[in-house]
C-alpha cells in the first residue's frame, strides 16, 4: 500500500504554521463551480477537504448549504473564525467517508484527490458518487501533468512524486482521468490555470 498524504499531523502542522496559507479569496475553480451549481439548482453540497473554508463561503453567499470534511482541527477553527460557527464540518480524513448518510445535490473537491494513493483515490470517487442525489453533480479539481512540478522530487509510482516530506502528488492527464472517473458519470474535462495547471472534472449521477 502506498503511503498517503492524508496525514493529520502533516496538515495540522501546515495550518498551524501557515494559517490562512492560500488567503481568503476562493480559487477560480470554486468560482466556476459556483456558477455551474447555480445553473443546475444545487441547494446543498459537500466539500471534502474543506480546509479553512475559503472555497466554501462563495457557495453559501449564493444560498447553497455547505457541509465539509476536514482532517485538521486548526483549519476547522480557522473556518469557524472567518465564516461562522454554523458551518457544519466533520473532523476526519476523507478516506474515512461517509461521515453521514445524507445525499447532496453537489460535491466539490478541490486539489485534494491527487494527494491520495490509487486505492484511496478510487474510494474517494466512489464515496462521493454514492453521496450524490439522483441527477447530482460532482466536480473535482486535480493537478495536471503539464504543471511545472511534474517529474520533480522522488518518484513514488507512475506519475506520482514526493515533492517534499509528506506531499506525495499524483499528476493526471486525460487518459488517467477517464480511467478513474469514467465509470462515475464523467461528462466534461476542462484545463484550467490557477497557481498550477489543473483539470476541472465534472460528473453527473
Protein backbone atom coordinates (compact mmCIF):
# COMPACT_ATOMS: atom_id res chain seq x y z
CA UNK A 1 0.00 0.00 0.00
CA UNK A 2 1.39 3.39 -0.93
CA UNK A 3 1.86 5.95 1.78
CA UNK A 4 -0.86 8.59 1.93
CA UNK A 5 -0.50 12.34 2.34
CA UNK A 6 -3.88 12.49 4.11
CA UNK A 7 -1.97 12.60 7.39
CA UNK A 8 -3.41 14.56 10.31
CA UNK A 9 0.00 15.68 11.57
CA UNK A 10 1.09 16.98 8.16
CA UNK A 11 -1.97 19.20 7.78
CA UNK A 12 -2.11 20.16 11.46
CA UNK A 13 1.47 21.44 11.19
CA UNK A 14 0.81 23.17 7.84
CA UNK A 15 -2.28 25.04 9.06
CA UNK A 16 -0.71 25.67 12.47
CA UNK A 17 2.35 27.33 10.95
CA UNK A 18 0.87 28.97 7.86
CA UNK A 19 -2.71 29.59 8.99
CA UNK A 20 -4.66 31.04 6.02
CA UNK A 21 -1.88 29.97 3.64
CA UNK A 22 -3.92 30.46 0.47
CA UNK A 23 -5.65 33.68 1.54
CA UNK A 24 -9.42 34.09 1.93
CA UNK A 25 -10.42 34.56 -1.70
CA UNK A 26 -11.92 31.48 -3.38
CA UNK A 27 -9.98 29.62 -6.06
CA UNK A 28 -11.01 30.17 -9.68
CA UNK A 29 -12.28 26.56 -9.72
CA UNK A 30 -14.65 27.39 -6.86
CA UNK A 31 -15.99 30.46 -8.69
CA UNK A 32 -16.62 28.43 -11.86
CA UNK A 33 -18.19 25.58 -9.89
CA UNK A 34 -20.45 28.02 -8.04
CA UNK A 35 -21.75 29.31 -11.37
CA UNK A 36 -22.26 25.76 -12.61
CA UNK A 37 -24.07 24.67 -9.42
CA UNK A 38 -26.37 27.70 -9.55
CA UNK A 39 -27.24 26.91 -13.18
CA UNK A 40 -28.23 23.41 -12.08
CA UNK A 41 -30.20 24.48 -8.97
CA UNK A 42 -27.86 22.83 -6.44
CA UNK A 43 -29.25 23.51 -2.96
CA UNK A 44 -26.86 21.59 -0.72
CA UNK A 45 -23.31 20.41 -1.21
CA UNK A 46 -20.40 18.59 0.35
CA UNK A 47 -16.78 19.78 0.27
CA UNK A 48 -14.31 17.02 1.19
CA UNK A 49 -11.09 18.67 2.35
CA UNK A 50 -12.76 22.00 3.11
CA UNK A 51 -9.64 23.41 4.79
CA UNK A 52 -10.34 26.76 6.45
CA UNK A 53 -13.35 27.39 4.23
CA UNK A 54 -12.03 29.80 1.61
CA UNK A 55 -13.75 27.81 -1.17
CA UNK A 56 -16.96 27.29 0.81
CA UNK A 57 -18.16 30.81 1.51
CA UNK A 58 -18.83 31.73 -2.13
CA UNK A 59 -21.39 28.89 -2.30
CA UNK A 60 -23.01 29.92 0.99
CA UNK A 61 -23.20 33.53 -0.20
CA UNK A 62 -25.40 32.26 -3.04
CA UNK A 63 -27.75 30.27 -0.86
CA UNK A 64 -26.19 26.81 -1.13
CA UNK A 65 -25.93 24.90 2.16
CA UNK A 66 -22.37 23.59 2.66
CA UNK A 67 -21.13 20.62 4.68
CA UNK A 68 -17.40 19.99 4.91
CA UNK A 69 -14.91 17.31 5.86
CA UNK A 70 -11.50 18.36 7.19
CA UNK A 71 -8.61 16.45 8.73
CA UNK A 72 -7.07 19.45 10.56
CA UNK A 73 -8.67 20.79 13.74
CA UNK A 74 -6.73 24.03 13.29
CA UNK A 75 -8.26 24.52 9.82
CA UNK A 76 -11.74 23.88 11.22
CA UNK A 77 -11.21 26.52 13.92
CA UNK A 78 -9.98 28.99 11.27
CA UNK A 79 -13.08 28.29 9.15
CA UNK A 80 -15.36 29.00 12.09
CA UNK A 81 -13.45 32.17 12.95
CA UNK A 82 -13.76 33.56 9.41
CA UNK A 83 -17.07 32.17 8.24
CA UNK A 84 -19.14 31.50 11.33
CA UNK A 85 -19.78 28.74 13.85
CA UNK A 86 -22.76 27.44 11.88
CA UNK A 87 -20.73 25.81 9.10
CA UNK A 88 -21.04 22.04 9.57
CA UNK A 89 -17.62 20.41 9.25
CA UNK A 90 -16.85 16.80 10.10
CA UNK A 91 -13.41 16.29 11.61
CA UNK A 92 -11.61 13.39 9.95
CA UNK A 93 -9.92 12.09 6.80
CA UNK A 94 -11.79 11.86 3.52
CA UNK A 95 -10.51 8.28 3.38
CA UNK A 96 -13.00 7.54 6.19
CA UNK A 97 -16.09 8.73 4.29
CA UNK A 98 -19.01 8.69 4.65
CA UNK A 99 -19.48 10.79 7.78
CA UNK A 100 -23.25 10.98 7.35
CA UNK A 101 -25.94 9.22 5.36
CA UNK A 102 -27.09 12.39 3.62
CA UNK A 103 -27.13 12.83 -0.12
CA UNK A 104 -26.03 16.08 -1.74
CA UNK A 105 -27.01 17.88 -4.94
CA UNK A 106 -23.37 18.83 -5.46
CA UNK A 107 -19.91 17.80 -4.31
CA UNK A 108 -16.83 19.98 -4.88
CA UNK A 109 -13.39 18.52 -4.20
CA UNK A 110 -10.55 20.98 -4.79
CA UNK A 111 -6.89 19.96 -5.13
CA UNK A 112 -7.26 17.02 -2.77
CA UNK A 113 -7.61 13.73 -4.62
CA UNK A 114 -4.14 13.95 -6.17
CA UNK A 115 -2.67 13.74 -2.63
CA UNK A 116 -4.03 10.21 -2.22
CA UNK A 117 -2.73 6.84 -3.37
CA UNK A 118 -4.53 4.85 -6.06
CA UNK A 119 -6.76 2.84 -3.69
CA UNK A 120 -7.71 5.95 -1.74
CA UNK A 121 -8.49 7.84 -4.95
CA UNK A 122 -10.82 5.07 -6.12
CA UNK A 123 -12.56 5.00 -2.74
CA UNK A 124 -12.99 8.79 -2.63
CA UNK A 125 -14.54 8.93 -6.11
CA UNK A 126 -16.89 6.07 -5.24
CA UNK A 127 -17.77 7.53 -1.82
CA UNK A 128 -18.55 10.94 -3.32
CA UNK A 129 -20.65 9.41 -6.10
CA UNK A 130 -22.59 7.35 -3.54
CA UNK A 131 -23.48 10.53 -1.62
CA UNK A 132 -24.81 12.34 -4.67
CA UNK A 133 -28.54 12.81 -5.10
CA UNK A 134 -30.05 11.44 -8.29
CA UNK A 135 -29.02 13.87 -11.07
CA UNK A 136 -26.48 15.40 -8.69
CA UNK A 137 -23.09 16.70 -9.86
CA UNK A 138 -19.58 16.24 -8.52
CA UNK A 139 -16.69 18.47 -9.54
CA UNK A 140 -13.04 17.68 -8.86
CA UNK A 141 -10.00 19.89 -9.44
CA UNK A 142 -6.82 17.85 -9.99
CA UNK A 143 -3.25 18.73 -10.86
CA UNK A 144 -2.13 18.14 -14.43
CA UNK A 145 1.00 16.53 -15.85
CA UNK A 146 1.59 19.87 -17.60
CA UNK A 147 2.22 21.51 -14.18
CA UNK A 148 5.77 22.73 -13.70
CA UNK A 149 6.17 20.47 -10.66
CA UNK A 150 5.58 17.27 -12.66
CA UNK A 151 8.60 14.99 -12.58
CA UNK A 152 10.19 16.86 -9.65
CA UNK A 153 11.15 15.19 -6.41
CA UNK A 154 11.19 11.45 -5.71
CA UNK A 155 9.27 9.06 -7.97
CA UNK A 156 6.85 7.02 -5.81
CA UNK A 157 4.92 5.22 -8.55
CA UNK A 158 3.71 6.01 -12.08
CA UNK A 159 3.06 9.78 -12.33
CA UNK A 160 3.25 10.12 -8.52
CA UNK A 161 6.07 12.12 -6.94
CA UNK A 162 7.03 13.15 -3.42
CA UNK A 163 7.81 16.83 -3.87
CA UNK A 164 8.78 17.27 -0.23
CA UNK A 165 8.31 15.37 3.03
CA UNK A 166 4.67 14.35 3.38
CA UNK A 167 3.47 15.67 0.00
CA UNK A 168 3.06 12.83 -2.49
CA UNK A 169 1.23 14.06 -5.57
CA UNK A 170 -0.34 12.12 -8.43
CA UNK A 171 -0.36 14.04 -11.72
CA UNK A 172 -3.30 13.48 -14.05
CA UNK A 173 -3.73 13.51 -17.81
CA UNK A 174 -6.87 12.98 -19.91
CA UNK A 175 -6.34 9.22 -20.01
CA UNK A 176 -5.94 8.75 -16.26
CA UNK A 177 -8.96 10.99 -15.62
CA UNK A 178 -11.06 8.82 -17.93
CA UNK A 179 -9.71 5.67 -16.28
CA UNK A 180 -10.57 6.82 -12.75
CA UNK A 181 -13.76 8.86 -13.32
CA UNK A 182 -15.15 7.18 -16.44
CA UNK A 183 -17.45 4.85 -14.51
CA UNK A 184 -18.95 7.72 -12.48
CA UNK A 185 -20.85 9.84 -14.99
CA UNK A 186 -17.85 11.76 -16.34
CA UNK A 187 -19.03 14.25 -18.95
CA UNK A 188 -16.54 17.14 -19.05
CA UNK A 189 -12.82 17.72 -18.57
CA UNK A 190 -11.58 21.32 -18.74
CA UNK A 191 -8.00 22.59 -18.48
CA UNK A 192 -7.64 25.46 -16.05
CA UNK A 193 -4.72 27.61 -14.88
CA UNK A 194 -4.54 28.70 -11.26
CA UNK A 195 -1.33 28.61 -9.21
CA UNK A 196 -0.67 25.38 -11.16
CA UNK A 197 -2.06 23.68 -14.25
CA UNK A 198 -5.23 21.84 -13.24
CA UNK A 199 -8.10 19.91 -14.75
CA UNK A 200 -11.70 20.67 -13.75
CA UNK A 201 -13.59 17.36 -13.89
CA UNK A 202 -17.40 17.17 -13.94
CA UNK A 203 -19.51 14.06 -13.33
CA UNK A 204 -23.28 13.58 -13.15
CA UNK A 205 -25.16 10.83 -11.37
